[in-house]
Protein backbone atom coordinates (compact mmCIF):
# COMPACT_ATOMS: atom_id res chain seq x y z
CA MET A 1 96.67 86.03 107.51
CA LYS A 2 95.17 86.65 111.10
CA LEU A 3 94.59 89.65 111.87
CA GLU A 4 96.57 91.36 114.48
CA ARG A 5 94.68 94.84 115.12
CA LEU A 6 93.48 97.58 112.92
CA LEU A 7 95.72 101.16 112.52
CA ILE A 8 94.96 104.63 112.21
CA THR A 9 97.12 106.60 109.92
CA PRO A 10 97.19 110.07 109.01
CA GLY A 11 96.07 108.61 105.45
CA GLY A 12 93.74 106.24 106.14
CA VAL A 13 92.74 102.48 108.17
CA LEU A 14 94.83 99.81 107.77
CA ALA A 15 94.57 96.14 108.61
CA LEU A 16 98.06 94.50 110.40
CA LEU A 17 98.07 91.04 109.90
CA HIS A 18 100.41 88.44 110.70
CA PRO A 19 100.99 85.51 108.11
CA THR A 20 99.68 81.61 108.98
CA SER A 21 101.90 80.15 106.35
CA PRO A 22 105.10 80.87 104.45
CA ASP A 23 103.01 82.03 100.93
CA ALA A 24 103.44 85.50 101.95
CA ASP A 25 107.33 85.81 102.30
CA GLU A 26 107.79 83.27 99.37
CA PHE A 27 105.07 85.85 97.24
CA ARG A 28 107.20 88.87 98.89
CA THR A 29 110.47 87.32 97.91
CA TYR A 30 109.86 85.81 94.58
CA THR A 31 106.82 87.71 93.16
CA LEU A 32 107.34 91.42 94.40
CA GLY A 33 111.13 90.86 94.10
CA HIS A 34 110.89 89.94 90.75
CA GLU A 35 108.54 92.12 90.10
CA LEU A 36 110.39 95.43 91.66
CA GLY A 37 113.95 94.35 90.31
CA ARG A 38 116.82 96.76 91.43
CA ASN A 39 113.80 98.68 93.86
CA ALA A 40 113.37 95.57 95.51
CA TYR A 41 115.46 96.56 99.05
CA ARG A 42 112.74 99.20 99.58
CA GLU A 43 110.46 96.49 100.84
CA GLY A 44 113.00 94.54 102.77
CA ILE A 45 113.19 91.64 100.34
CA LEU A 46 116.06 90.08 101.53
CA SER A 47 114.31 89.10 105.35
CA PRO A 48 110.89 87.87 106.23
CA ARG A 49 108.30 90.22 107.40
CA ASP A 50 106.74 89.40 110.40
CA LEU A 51 103.99 92.02 109.70
CA TRP A 52 101.62 92.89 106.99
CA TYR A 53 99.00 95.25 106.10
CA VAL A 54 96.00 95.93 103.68
CA SER A 55 94.63 99.33 103.36
CA LEU A 56 91.34 99.59 104.31
CA LEU A 57 90.35 103.09 103.85
CA HIS A 58 92.02 106.17 102.16
CA PHE A 59 90.99 109.58 103.96
CA ARG A 60 90.63 112.36 101.06
CA GLY A 61 91.15 114.83 103.85
CA PRO A 62 90.67 115.96 107.77
CA ILE A 63 88.07 113.88 109.42
CA GLU A 64 85.22 115.64 111.08
CA HIS A 65 85.43 113.80 114.62
CA PRO A 66 88.85 112.02 114.80
CA LYS A 67 88.63 110.93 118.45
CA ASP A 68 85.13 108.82 117.66
CA LEU A 69 87.56 106.78 115.04
CA VAL A 70 90.25 106.78 117.38
CA THR A 71 87.64 104.95 119.94
CA TRP A 72 86.27 102.60 116.66
CA SER A 73 89.77 101.58 116.11
CA HIS A 74 90.50 100.48 119.88
CA GLN A 75 87.38 98.19 120.23
CA GLN A 76 88.10 94.37 120.60
CA LEU A 77 88.24 92.48 117.50
CA ALA A 78 87.49 89.08 117.57
CA PRO A 79 90.18 86.59 116.05
CA ILE A 80 89.97 86.17 112.79
CA THR A 81 91.64 84.56 110.02
CA TRP A 82 91.54 85.50 105.96
CA ALA A 83 92.91 83.54 103.38
CA PHE A 84 93.91 85.32 99.82
CA PRO A 85 93.80 83.67 96.38
CA ASP A 86 95.59 86.60 95.07
CA ALA A 87 98.17 89.57 95.69
CA ALA A 88 98.53 92.62 93.94
CA LEU A 89 100.91 95.54 93.69
CA CYS A 90 99.77 98.71 92.67
CA THR A 91 100.35 102.39 92.90
CA TYR A 92 97.62 105.27 93.24
CA GLU A 93 96.31 107.93 91.40
CA ILE A 94 94.77 110.82 92.76
CA THR A 95 92.00 112.26 90.62
CA THR A 96 89.92 114.99 91.55
CA THR A 97 87.43 112.99 93.22
CA ALA A 98 88.68 109.68 94.06
CA MET A 99 92.25 107.42 94.99
CA ARG A 100 92.17 105.04 91.56
CA PRO A 101 94.43 102.13 92.10
CA ARG A 102 96.67 101.10 89.35
CA ILE A 103 97.64 97.59 89.24
CA ARG A 104 101.54 96.87 88.74
CA HIS A 105 101.24 93.10 88.87
CA THR A 106 99.19 90.17 90.50
CA ALA A 107 100.32 87.01 91.02
CA ALA A 108 98.41 84.02 93.00
CA PHE A 109 98.97 83.76 96.62
CA GLY A 110 100.21 80.50 96.97
CA ARG A 111 98.89 77.43 98.66
CA ALA A 112 95.19 77.69 100.67
CA ILE A 113 95.67 79.01 104.23
């Protein structure tokens, strides 16, 4: 995956990525499609996806200095490519002190990128 940019949302910071090989779509189509079953349509399983995201940070409440965070996210980033050996489908449980991931399924991501 190649880093496109960072995105600030009301819930956190995301890294937006473009696939550099067919592995991402193979993972989404076959692995996630199989795991999600009849709910797979919610992930657009039937068509290719040219943009992926990785959640880097979740916000638990209001940001004290939101303009500083937006300024930081707009800085120029050096092009970078990441290789992922595996990927996980997860949901999050919100506790009184944290967000805890609940891994639903993990699978090898495919060939080296």
